[in-house]
Amino acid sequence: MSQAAIRKLVADSVTAALEAQAATMENANNPNRNTVPTEIPVVKTRNYKEFI
């Protein structure tokens, strides 16, 4: 195989993988889609000495 053929093969594979990933992310029923935080971070206002 020539260098050009290898580069084209790699480029085609990367393009196919990116298209598949984009299609997966567009799927509304995908449970692995992390578009919003799962929990709100808590602001800590006291330290350990104040707690005791």
N, C-alpha and C. Protein backbone atom coordinates (compact mmCIF):
# COMPACT_ATOMS: atom_id res chain seq x y z
N MET A 1 0.84 -1.19 0.00
CA MET A 1 0.00 0.00 0.00
C MET A 1 0.88 1.24 0.00
N SER A 2 0.44 2.22 -0.72
CA SER A 2 1.19 3.47 -0.76
C SER A 2 0.80 4.36 0.42
N GLN A 3 1.62 5.36 0.67
CA GLN A 3 1.34 6.30 1.76
C GLN A 3 0.01 7.01 1.53
N ALA A 4 -0.29 7.36 0.29
CA ALA A 4 -1.53 8.05 -0.02
C ALA A 4 -2.74 7.16 0.28
N ALA A 5 -2.64 5.88 -0.04
CA ALA A 5 -3.74 4.96 0.23
C ALA A 5 -3.95 4.78 1.73
N ILE A 6 -2.85 4.73 2.48
CA ILE A 6 -2.95 4.59 3.94
C ILE A 6 -3.57 5.83 4.55
N ARG A 7 -3.14 7.00 4.08
CA ARG A 7 -3.71 8.26 4.60
C ARG A 7 -5.20 8.36 4.29
N LYS A 8 -5.59 7.95 3.08
CA LYS A 8 -7.01 7.99 2.72
C LYS A 8 -7.81 7.02 3.58
N LEU A 9 -7.27 5.85 3.83
CA LEU A 9 -7.94 4.86 4.67
C LEU A 9 -8.13 5.39 6.09
N VAL A 10 -7.10 6.01 6.64
CA VAL A 10 -7.19 6.58 7.99
C VAL A 10 -8.20 7.72 8.02
N ALA A 11 -8.15 8.59 7.03
CA ALA A 11 -9.08 9.72 6.98
C ALA A 11 -10.52 9.23 6.87
N ASP A 12 -10.76 8.23 6.04
CA ASP A 12 -12.11 7.67 5.90
C ASP A 12 -12.59 7.04 7.20
N SER A 13 -11.70 6.36 7.90
CA SER A 13 -12.07 5.72 9.17
C SER A 13 -12.40 6.77 10.23
N VAL A 14 -11.61 7.83 10.29
CA VAL A 14 -11.85 8.89 11.26
C VAL A 14 -13.17 9.59 10.95
N THR A 15 -13.42 9.86 9.69
CA THR A 15 -14.68 10.50 9.29
C THR A 15 -15.87 9.63 9.67
N ALA A 16 -15.79 8.34 9.42
CA ALA A 16 -16.89 7.43 9.76
C ALA A 16 -17.10 7.38 11.27
N ALA A 17 -16.02 7.38 12.04
CA ALA A 17 -16.15 7.33 13.50
C ALA A 17 -16.78 8.61 14.03
N LEU A 18 -16.38 9.76 13.49
CA LEU A 18 -16.96 11.03 13.94
C LEU A 18 -18.43 11.14 13.57
N GLU A 19 -18.80 10.66 12.40
CA GLU A 19 -20.21 10.66 12.00
C GLU A 19 -21.03 9.75 12.90
N ALA A 20 -20.49 8.59 13.25
CA ALA A 20 -21.20 7.67 14.13
C ALA A 20 -21.37 8.28 15.52
N GLN A 21 -20.34 8.96 16.01
CA GLN A 21 -20.43 9.59 17.32
C GLN A 21 -21.46 10.71 17.30
N ALA A 22 -21.50 11.51 16.24
CA ALA A 22 -22.48 12.59 16.13
C ALA A 22 -23.89 12.03 16.09
N ALA A 23 -24.10 10.94 15.38
CA ALA A 23 -25.42 10.32 15.32
C ALA A 23 -25.83 9.78 16.68
N THR A 24 -24.88 9.24 17.43
CA THR A 24 -25.18 8.73 18.76
C THR A 24 -25.55 9.86 19.70
N MET A 25 -24.85 10.97 19.62
CA MET A 25 -25.13 12.10 20.51
C MET A 25 -26.48 12.75 20.19
N GLU A 26 -26.91 12.67 18.94
CA GLU A 26 -28.20 13.25 18.56
C GLU A 26 -29.37 12.39 19.03
N ASN A 27 -29.11 11.15 19.37
CA ASN A 27 -30.16 10.25 19.80
C ASN A 27 -30.72 10.72 21.14
N ALA A 28 -32.00 11.06 21.18
CA ALA A 28 -32.62 11.58 22.40
C ALA A 28 -32.78 10.51 23.47
N ASN A 29 -32.78 9.25 23.10
CA ASN A 29 -32.98 8.17 24.06
C ASN A 29 -31.67 7.64 24.62
N ASN A 30 -30.58 8.35 24.40
CA ASN A 30 -29.26 7.90 24.85
C ASN A 30 -29.10 8.21 26.34
N PRO A 31 -29.03 7.19 27.21
CA PRO A 31 -28.90 7.44 28.64
C PRO A 31 -27.51 7.96 29.03
N ASN A 32 -26.52 7.86 28.16
CA ASN A 32 -25.17 8.32 28.47
C ASN A 32 -24.95 9.78 28.09
N ARG A 33 -25.99 10.44 27.68
CA ARG A 33 -25.88 11.84 27.26
C ARG A 33 -25.81 12.73 28.49
N ASN A 34 -24.70 13.43 28.65
CA ASN A 34 -24.50 14.29 29.82
C ASN A 34 -24.58 15.74 29.40
N THR A 35 -25.80 16.25 29.25
CA THR A 35 -25.97 17.64 28.83
C THR A 35 -26.19 18.57 30.00
N VAL A 36 -26.59 18.04 31.15
CA VAL A 36 -26.81 18.87 32.34
C VAL A 36 -26.09 18.22 33.52
N PRO A 37 -25.71 19.01 34.50
CA PRO A 37 -25.07 18.41 35.68
C PRO A 37 -26.05 17.51 36.43
N THR A 38 -25.55 16.44 37.00
CA THR A 38 -26.42 15.51 37.72
C THR A 38 -26.73 16.00 39.12
N GLU A 39 -25.86 16.81 39.70
CA GLU A 39 -26.13 17.35 41.02
C GLU A 39 -25.54 18.75 41.12
N ILE A 40 -26.12 19.54 42.01
CA ILE A 40 -25.65 20.91 42.19
C ILE A 40 -24.57 20.91 43.27
N PRO A 41 -23.41 21.51 43.02
CA PRO A 41 -22.38 21.55 44.05
C PRO A 41 -22.83 22.39 45.24
N VAL A 42 -22.47 21.94 46.43
CA VAL A 42 -22.85 22.63 47.66
C VAL A 42 -21.73 23.59 48.05
N VAL A 43 -22.12 24.81 48.40
CA VAL A 43 -21.14 25.79 48.85
C VAL A 43 -20.90 25.57 50.33
N LYS A 44 -19.65 25.36 50.70
CA LYS A 44 -19.30 25.13 52.10
C LYS A 44 -18.87 26.44 52.72
N THR A 45 -19.55 26.82 53.80
CA THR A 45 -19.26 28.11 54.42
C THR A 45 -18.53 27.98 55.74
N ARG A 46 -18.46 26.80 56.31
CA ARG A 46 -17.82 26.62 57.61
C ARG A 46 -16.66 25.66 57.50
N ASN A 47 -15.77 25.71 58.48
CA ASN A 47 -14.67 24.77 58.49
C ASN A 47 -14.88 23.76 59.62
N TYR A 48 -13.94 22.88 59.81
CA TYR A 48 -14.09 21.79 60.77
C TYR A 48 -14.18 22.31 62.20
N LYS A 49 -13.40 23.32 62.57
CA LYS A 49 -13.43 23.85 63.94
C LYS A 49 -14.80 24.43 64.26
N GLU A 50 -15.40 25.14 63.34
CA GLU A 50 -16.73 25.70 63.58
C GLU A 50 -17.78 24.60 63.68
N PHE A 51 -17.58 23.51 63.00
CA PHE A 51 -18.53 22.41 63.06
C PHE A 51 -18.54 21.77 64.44
N ILE A 52 -17.37 21.63 65.05
CA ILE A 52 -17.26 21.04 66.39
C ILE A 52 -17.72 22.08 67.38
